[in-house]
């Protein structure tokens, strides 16, 4: 190991705040097209979407129940 005992000669560091730094080139998604998905990925995403819809509806019901909307109807 030839570099085992090599130490850098740096004695100071220059810190540049991200707002003061030069802007970097951003990536664009133009011309990429649609992503090809297998049937398994498509089914998994549909199941995830359904799960999120059900959880959102349950949250809405719970919030309405805590606010007393359903007790006033009885």
PDB file of N, CA and C in Angstrom:
ATOM      1  N   UNK A   1       0.855  -1.179   0.000  1.00  0.00           N
ATOM      2  CA  UNK A   1       0.000   0.000   0.000  1.00  0.00           C
ATOM      3  C   UNK A   1       0.892   1.230   0.000  1.00  0.00           C
ATOM      4  N   UNK A   2       1.038   1.811  -1.161  1.00  0.00           N
ATOM      5  CA  UNK A   2       1.931   2.947  -1.313  1.00  0.00           C
ATOM      6  C   UNK A   2       1.344   4.230  -0.735  1.00  0.00           C
ATOM      7  N   UNK A   3       0.040   4.348  -0.674  1.00  0.00           N
ATOM      8  CA  UNK A   3      -0.586   5.592  -0.208  1.00  0.00           C
ATOM      9  C   UNK A   3      -0.994   5.527   1.260  1.00  0.00           C
ATOM     10  N   UNK A   4      -0.484   4.599   2.000  1.00  0.00           N
ATOM     11  CA  UNK A   4      -0.904   4.422   3.386  1.00  0.00           C
ATOM     12  C   UNK A   4      -0.514   5.602   4.264  1.00  0.00           C
ATOM     13  N   UNK A   5       0.672   6.171   4.091  1.00  0.00           N
ATOM     14  CA  UNK A   5       1.143   7.234   4.969  1.00  0.00           C
ATOM     15  C   UNK A   5       1.090   8.609   4.319  1.00  0.00           C
ATOM     16  N   UNK A   6       0.322   8.763   3.265  1.00  0.00           N
ATOM     17  CA  UNK A   6       0.198  10.054   2.584  1.00  0.00           C
ATOM     18  C   UNK A   6      -0.890  10.857   3.266  1.00  0.00           C
ATOM     19  N   UNK A   7      -0.585  12.091   3.640  1.00  0.00           N
ATOM     20  CA  UNK A   7      -1.570  12.980   4.252  1.00  0.00           C
ATOM     21  C   UNK A   7      -1.703  14.227   3.393  1.00  0.00           C
ATOM     22  N   UNK A   8      -2.902  14.756   3.241  1.00  0.00           N
ATOM     23  CA  UNK A   8      -3.074  15.970   2.433  1.00  0.00           C
ATOM     24  C   UNK A   8      -2.499  17.195   3.136  1.00  0.00           C
ATOM     25  N   UNK A   9      -2.076  18.180   2.354  1.00  0.00           N
ATOM     26  CA  UNK A   9      -1.483  19.409   2.887  1.00  0.00           C
ATOM     27  C   UNK A   9      -2.507  20.534   3.029  1.00  0.00           C
ATOM     28  N   UNK A  10      -3.772  20.222   3.072  1.00  0.00           N
ATOM     29  CA  UNK A  10      -4.804  21.255   3.141  1.00  0.00           C
ATOM     30  C   UNK A  10      -4.885  21.801   4.562  1.00  0.00           C
ATOM     31  N   UNK A  11      -4.841  23.109   4.679  1.00  0.00           N
ATOM     32  CA  UNK A  11      -4.931  23.732   5.997  1.00  0.00           C
ATOM     33  C   UNK A  11      -6.208  24.540   6.154  1.00  0.00           C
ATOM     34  N   UNK A  12      -6.902  24.826   5.062  1.00  0.00           N
ATOM     35  CA  UNK A  12      -8.148  25.588   5.153  1.00  0.00           C
ATOM     36  C   UNK A  12      -9.126  25.090   4.100  1.00  0.00           C
ATOM     37  N   UNK A  13     -10.405  25.312   4.377  1.00  0.00           N
ATOM     38  CA  UNK A  13     -11.473  24.896   3.484  1.00  0.00           C
ATOM     39  C   UNK A  13     -12.312  26.106   3.125  1.00  0.00           C
ATOM     40  N   UNK A  14     -12.763  26.178   1.908  1.00  0.00           N
ATOM     41  CA  UNK A  14     -13.653  27.245   1.464  1.00  0.00           C
ATOM     42  C   UNK A  14     -15.062  26.669   1.358  1.00  0.00           C
ATOM     43  N   UNK A  15     -15.972  27.244   2.113  1.00  0.00           N
ATOM     44  CA  UNK A  15     -17.351  26.787   2.107  1.00  0.00           C
ATOM     45  C   UNK A  15     -18.174  27.772   1.302  1.00  0.00           C
ATOM     46  N   UNK A  16     -18.911  27.248   0.345  1.00  0.00           N
ATOM     47  CA  UNK A  16     -19.767  28.087  -0.503  1.00  0.00           C
ATOM     48  C   UNK A  16     -21.212  27.716  -0.221  1.00  0.00           C
ATOM     49  N   UNK A  17     -22.011  28.706   0.146  1.00  0.00           N
ATOM     50  CA  UNK A  17     -23.425  28.486   0.403  1.00  0.00           C
ATOM     51  C   UNK A  17     -24.119  28.145  -0.914  1.00  0.00           C
ATOM     52  N   UNK A  18     -25.092  27.224  -0.899  1.00  0.00           N
ATOM     53  CA  UNK A  18     -25.761  26.842  -2.148  1.00  0.00           C
ATOM     54  C   UNK A  18     -26.442  28.003  -2.875  1.00  0.00           C
ATOM     55  N   UNK A  19     -26.896  29.024  -2.139  1.00  0.00           N
ATOM     56  CA  UNK A  19     -27.529  30.163  -2.804  1.00  0.00           C
ATOM     57  C   UNK A  19     -26.508  31.051  -3.504  1.00  0.00           C
ATOM     58  N   UNK A  20     -25.265  31.007  -3.058  1.00  0.00           N
ATOM     59  CA  UNK A  20     -24.216  31.805  -3.675  1.00  0.00           C
ATOM     60  C   UNK A  20     -23.479  31.052  -4.779  1.00  0.00           C
ATOM     61  N   UNK A  21     -23.719  29.767  -4.894  1.00  0.00           N
ATOM     62  CA  UNK A  21     -23.031  28.937  -5.880  1.00  0.00           C
ATOM     63  C   UNK A  21     -23.662  29.117  -7.250  1.00  0.00           C
ATOM     64  N   UNK A  22     -22.942  28.717  -8.277  1.00  0.00           N
ATOM     65  CA  UNK A  22     -23.463  28.800  -9.637  1.00  0.00           C
ATOM     66  C   UNK A  22     -24.587  27.783  -9.815  1.00  0.00           C
ATOM     67  N   UNK A  23     -25.591  28.145 -10.608  1.00  0.00           N
ATOM     68  CA  UNK A  23     -26.714  27.235 -10.857  1.00  0.00           C
ATOM     69  C   UNK A  23     -26.246  26.083 -11.732  1.00  0.00           C
ATOM     70  N   UNK A  24     -26.714  24.888 -11.410  1.00  0.00           N
ATOM     71  CA  UNK A  24     -26.309  23.729 -12.188  1.00  0.00           C
ATOM     72  C   UNK A  24     -27.315  23.443 -13.297  1.00  0.00           C
ATOM     73  N   UNK A  25     -26.880  22.708 -14.284  1.00  0.00           N
ATOM     74  CA  UNK A  25     -27.747  22.344 -15.394  1.00  0.00           C
ATOM     75  C   UNK A  25     -28.770  21.329 -14.909  1.00  0.00           C
ATOM     76  N   UNK A  26     -30.039  21.614 -15.117  1.00  0.00           N
ATOM     77  CA  UNK A  26     -31.097  20.723 -14.665  1.00  0.00           C
ATOM     78  C   UNK A  26     -31.420  19.704 -15.748  1.00  0.00           C
ATOM     79  N   UNK A  27     -31.794  18.524 -15.322  1.00  0.00           N
ATOM     80  CA  UNK A  27     -32.197  17.479 -16.259  1.00  0.00           C
ATOM     81  C   UNK A  27     -33.628  17.725 -16.700  1.00  0.00           C
ATOM     82  N   UNK A  28     -33.921  17.429 -17.944  1.00  0.00           N
ATOM     83  CA  UNK A  28     -35.282  17.576 -18.450  1.00  0.00           C
ATOM     84  C   UNK A  28     -35.820  16.207 -18.844  1.00  0.00           C
ATOM     85  N   UNK A  29     -37.116  16.086 -18.826  1.00  0.00           N
ATOM     86  CA  UNK A  29     -37.750  14.825 -19.194  1.00  0.00           C
ATOM     87  C   UNK A  29     -38.413  14.903 -20.560  1.00  0.00           C
ATOM     88  N   UNK A  30     -38.046  15.881 -21.348  1.00  0.00           N
ATOM     89  CA  UNK A  30     -38.643  16.024 -22.673  1.00  0.00           C
ATOM     90  C   UNK A  30     -38.177  14.900 -23.583  1.00  0.00           C
ATOM     91  N   UNK A  31     -39.116  14.325 -24.292  1.00  0.00           N
ATOM     92  CA  UNK A  31     -38.789  13.298 -25.261  1.00  0.00           C
ATOM     93  C   UNK A  31     -38.540  11.917 -24.674  1.00  0.00           C
ATOM     94  N   UNK A  32     -38.840  11.700 -23.401  1.00  0.00           N
ATOM     95  CA  UNK A  32     -38.595  10.390 -22.816  1.00  0.00           C
ATOM     96  C   UNK A  32     -39.703   9.397 -23.132  1.00  0.00           C
ATOM     97  N   UNK A  33     -40.940   9.872 -23.254  1.00  0.00           N
ATOM     98  CA  UNK A  33     -42.047   8.968 -23.526  1.00  0.00           C
ATOM     99  C   UNK A  33     -42.534   8.269 -22.274  1.00  0.00           C
ATOM    100  N   UNK A  34     -43.422   7.302 -22.482  1.00  0.00           N
ATOM    101  CA  UNK A  34     -43.985   6.563 -21.361  1.00  0.00           C
ATOM    102  C   UNK A  34     -43.031   5.466 -20.915  1.00  0.00           C
ATOM    103  N   UNK A  35     -43.102   5.146 -19.625  1.00  0.00           N
ATOM    104  CA  UNK A  35     -42.288   4.073 -19.073  1.00  0.00           C
ATOM    105  C   UNK A  35     -43.030   2.757 -19.296  1.00  0.00           C
ATOM    106  N   UNK A  36     -42.329   1.763 -19.803  1.00  0.00           N
ATOM    107  CA  UNK A  36     -42.934   0.455 -19.995  1.00  0.00           C
ATOM    108  C   UNK A  36     -42.997  -0.261 -18.658  1.00  0.00           C
ATOM    109  N   UNK A  37     -44.187  -0.781 -18.333  1.00  0.00           N
ATOM    110  CA  UNK A  37     -44.370  -1.487 -17.074  1.00  0.00           C
ATOM    111  C   UNK A  37     -44.840  -2.907 -17.355  1.00  0.00           C
ATOM    112  N   UNK A  38     -44.397  -3.811 -16.532  1.00  0.00           N
ATOM    113  CA  UNK A  38     -44.891  -5.176 -16.634  1.00  0.00           C
ATOM    114  C   UNK A  38     -46.265  -5.248 -15.978  1.00  0.00           C
ATOM    115  N   UNK A  39     -46.945  -6.349 -16.217  1.00  0.00           N
ATOM    116  CA  UNK A  39     -48.285  -6.525 -15.650  1.00  0.00           C
ATOM    117  C   UNK A  39     -48.220  -6.535 -14.125  1.00  0.00           C
ATOM    118  N   UNK A  40     -47.175  -7.118 -13.559  1.00  0.00           N
ATOM    119  CA  UNK A  40     -47.034  -7.178 -12.106  1.00  0.00           C
ATOM    120  C   UNK A  40     -46.884  -5.787 -11.499  1.00  0.00           C
ATOM    121  N   UNK A  41     -46.098  -4.943 -12.143  1.00  0.00           N
ATOM    122  CA  UNK A  41     -45.909  -3.578 -11.651  1.00  0.00           C
ATOM    123  C   UNK A  41     -47.215  -2.806 -11.752  1.00  0.00           C
ATOM    124  N   UNK A  42     -47.932  -2.976 -12.853  1.00  0.00           N
ATOM    125  CA  UNK A  42     -49.203  -2.268 -13.032  1.00  0.00           C
ATOM    126  C   UNK A  42     -50.231  -2.687 -11.987  1.00  0.00           C
ATOM    127  N   UNK A  43     -50.311  -3.987 -11.698  1.00  0.00           N
ATOM    128  CA  UNK A  43     -51.249  -4.473 -10.678  1.00  0.00           C
ATOM    129  C   UNK A  43     -50.843  -3.956  -9.307  1.00  0.00           C
ATOM    130  N   UNK A  44     -49.544  -3.957  -9.014  1.00  0.00           N
ATOM    131  CA  UNK A  44     -49.076  -3.457  -7.721  1.00  0.00           C
ATOM    132  C   UNK A  44     -49.410  -1.980  -7.545  1.00  0.00           C
ATOM    133  N   UNK A  45     -49.244  -1.188  -8.596  1.00  0.00           N
ATOM    134  CA  UNK A  45     -49.574   0.237  -8.504  1.00  0.00           C
ATOM    135  C   UNK A  45     -51.074   0.461  -8.347  1.00  0.00           C
ATOM    136  N   UNK A  46     -51.882  -0.358  -8.995  1.00  0.00           N
ATOM    137  CA  UNK A  46     -53.333  -0.234  -8.825  1.00  0.00           C
ATOM    138  C   UNK A  46     -53.753  -0.603  -7.406  1.00  0.00           C
ATOM    139  N   UNK A  47     -53.131  -1.636  -6.852  1.00  0.00           N
ATOM    140  CA  UNK A  47     -53.423  -2.015  -5.466  1.00  0.00           C
ATOM    141  C   UNK A  47     -52.994  -0.902  -4.512  1.00  0.00           C
ATOM    142  N   UNK A  48     -51.845  -0.311  -4.752  1.00  0.00           N
ATOM    143  CA  UNK A  48     -51.382   0.800  -3.923  1.00  0.00           C
ATOM    144  C   UNK A  48     -52.328   1.989  -4.016  1.00  0.00           C
ATOM    145  N   UNK A  49     -52.795   2.293  -5.215  1.00  0.00           N
ATOM    146  CA  UNK A  49     -53.745   3.403  -5.393  1.00  0.00           C
ATOM    147  C   UNK A  49     -55.037   3.129  -4.629  1.00  0.00           C
ATOM    148  N   UNK A  50     -55.543   1.892  -4.726  1.00  0.00           N
ATOM    149  CA  UNK A  50     -56.753   1.526  -3.989  1.00  0.00           C
ATOM    150  C   UNK A  50     -56.560   1.621  -2.495  1.00  0.00           C
ATOM    151  N   UNK A  51     -55.407   1.174  -2.018  1.00  0.00           N
ATOM    152  CA  UNK A  51     -55.099   1.253  -0.596  1.00  0.00           C
ATOM    153  C   UNK A  51     -55.086   2.703  -0.122  1.00  0.00           C
ATOM    154  N   UNK A  52     -54.456   3.581  -0.901  1.00  0.00           N
ATOM    155  CA  UNK A  52     -54.399   4.987  -0.507  1.00  0.00           C
ATOM    156  C   UNK A  52     -55.780   5.635  -0.509  1.00  0.00           C
ATOM    157  N   UNK A  53     -56.624   5.250  -1.451  1.00  0.00           N
ATOM    158  CA  UNK A  53     -57.997   5.785  -1.482  1.00  0.00           C
ATOM    159  C   UNK A  53     -58.759   5.316  -0.254  1.00  0.00           C
ATOM    160  N   UNK A  54     -58.645   4.033   0.081  1.00  0.00           N
ATOM    161  CA  UNK A  54     -59.358   3.502   1.250  1.00  0.00           C
ATOM    162  C   UNK A  54     -58.870   4.165   2.533  1.00  0.00           C
ATOM    163  N   UNK A  55     -57.568   4.332   2.694  1.00  0.00           N
ATOM    164  CA  UNK A  55     -57.019   4.969   3.901  1.00  0.00           C
ATOM    165  C   UNK A  55     -57.487   6.423   3.992  1.00  0.00           C
ATOM    166  N   UNK A  56     -57.546   7.125   2.850  1.00  0.00           N
ATOM    167  CA  UNK A  56     -58.017   8.511   2.851  1.00  0.00           C
ATOM    168  C   UNK A  56     -59.487   8.587   3.250  1.00  0.00           C
ATOM    169  N   UNK A  57     -60.297   7.672   2.746  1.00  0.00           N
ATOM    170  CA  UNK A  57     -61.714   7.647   3.132  1.00  0.00           C
ATOM    171  C   UNK A  57     -61.878   7.327   4.615  1.00  0.00           C
ATOM    172  N   UNK A  58     -61.080   6.395   5.121  1.00  0.00           N
ATOM    173  CA  UNK A  58     -61.150   6.075   6.548  1.00  0.00           C
ATOM    174  C   UNK A  58     -60.730   7.264   7.405  1.00  0.00           C
ATOM    175  N   UNK A  59     -59.712   7.996   6.963  1.00  0.00           N
ATOM    176  CA  UNK A  59     -59.282   9.188   7.687  1.00  0.00           C
ATOM    177  C   UNK A  59     -60.385  10.244   7.685  1.00  0.00           C
ATOM    178  N   UNK A  60     -61.019  10.444   6.544  1.00  0.00           N
ATOM    179  CA  UNK A  60     -62.122  11.402   6.466  1.00  0.00           C
ATOM    180  C   UNK A  60     -63.270  11.014   7.382  1.00  0.00           C
ATOM    181  N   UNK A  61     -63.611   9.722   7.401  1.00  0.00           N
ATOM    182  CA  UNK A  61     -64.663   9.254   8.289  1.00  0.00           C
ATOM    183  C   UNK A  61     -64.286   9.482   9.752  1.00  0.00           C
ATOM    184  N   UNK A  62     -63.038   9.197  10.096  1.00  0.00           N
ATOM    185  CA  UNK A  62     -62.595   9.361  11.482  1.00  0.00           C
ATOM    186  C   UNK A  62     -62.640  10.832  11.907  1.00  0.00           C
ATOM    187  N   UNK A  63     -62.221  11.718  11.014  1.00  0.00           N
ATOM    188  CA  UNK A  63     -62.256  13.153  11.334  1.00  0.00           C
ATOM    189  C   UNK A  63     -63.699  13.619  11.509  1.00  0.00           C
ATOM    190  N   UNK A  64     -64.590  13.172  10.636  1.00  0.00           N
ATOM    191  CA  UNK A  64     -65.998  13.549  10.777  1.00  0.00           C
ATOM    192  C   UNK A  64     -66.611  12.958  12.042  1.00  0.00           C
ATOM    193  N   UNK A  65     -66.198  11.752  12.400  1.00  0.00           N
ATOM    194  CA  UNK A  65     -66.695  11.132  13.625  1.00  0.00           C
ATOM    195  C   UNK A  65     -66.205  11.881  14.861  1.00  0.00           C
ATOM    196  N   UNK A  66     -64.945  12.306  14.847  1.00  0.00           N
ATOM    197  CA  UNK A  66     -64.411  13.072  15.984  1.00  0.00           C
ATOM    198  C   UNK A  66     -65.062  14.442  16.094  1.00  0.00           C
ATOM    199  N   UNK A  67     -65.455  15.005  14.963  1.00  0.00           N
ATOM    200  CA  UNK A  67     -66.090  16.326  15.032  1.00  0.00           C
ATOM    201  C   UNK A  67     -67.542  16.243  15.467  1.00  0.00           C
ATOM    202  N   UNK A  68     -68.092  15.052  15.542  1.00  0.00           N
ATOM    203  CA  UNK A  68     -69.455  14.886  16.037  1.00  0.00           C
ATOM    204  C   UNK A  68     -70.524  14.955  14.972  1.00  0.00           C
ATOM    205  N   UNK A  69     -70.173  14.808  13.735  1.00  0.00           N
ATOM    206  CA  UNK A  69     -71.161  14.892  12.650  1.00  0.00           C
ATOM    207  C   UNK A  69     -72.132  13.717  12.730  1.00  0.00           C
ATOM    208  N   UNK A  70     -71.648  12.527  13.034  1.00  0.00           N
ATOM    209  CA  UNK A  70     -72.502  11.356  13.032  1.00  0.00           C
ATOM    210  C   UNK A  70     -73.327  11.234  14.298  1.00  0.00           C
ATOM    211  N   UNK A  71     -72.930  11.859  15.404  1.00  0.00           N
ATOM    212  CA  UNK A  71     -73.726  11.796  16.629  1.00  0.00           C
ATOM    213  C   UNK A  71     -74.921  12.738  16.536  1.00  0.00           C
ATOM    214  N   UNK A  72     -74.829  13.777  15.731  1.00  0.00           N
ATOM    215  CA  UNK A  72     -75.949  14.718  15.576  1.00  0.00           C
ATOM    216  C   UNK A  72     -77.053  14.127  14.706  1.00  0.00           C
ATOM    217  N   UNK A  73     -76.716  13.124  13.894  1.00  0.00           N
ATOM    218  CA  UNK A  73     -77.700  12.522  13.006  1.00  0.00           C
ATOM    219  C   UNK A  73     -78.584  11.517  13.722  1.00  0.00           C
ATOM    220  N   UNK A  74     -78.160  11.027  14.877  1.00  0.00           N
ATOM    221  CA  UNK A  74     -78.928  10.004  15.603  1.00  0.00           C
ATOM    222  C   UNK A  74     -80.063  10.587  16.359  1.00  0.00           C
TER     223      UNK A  74
END
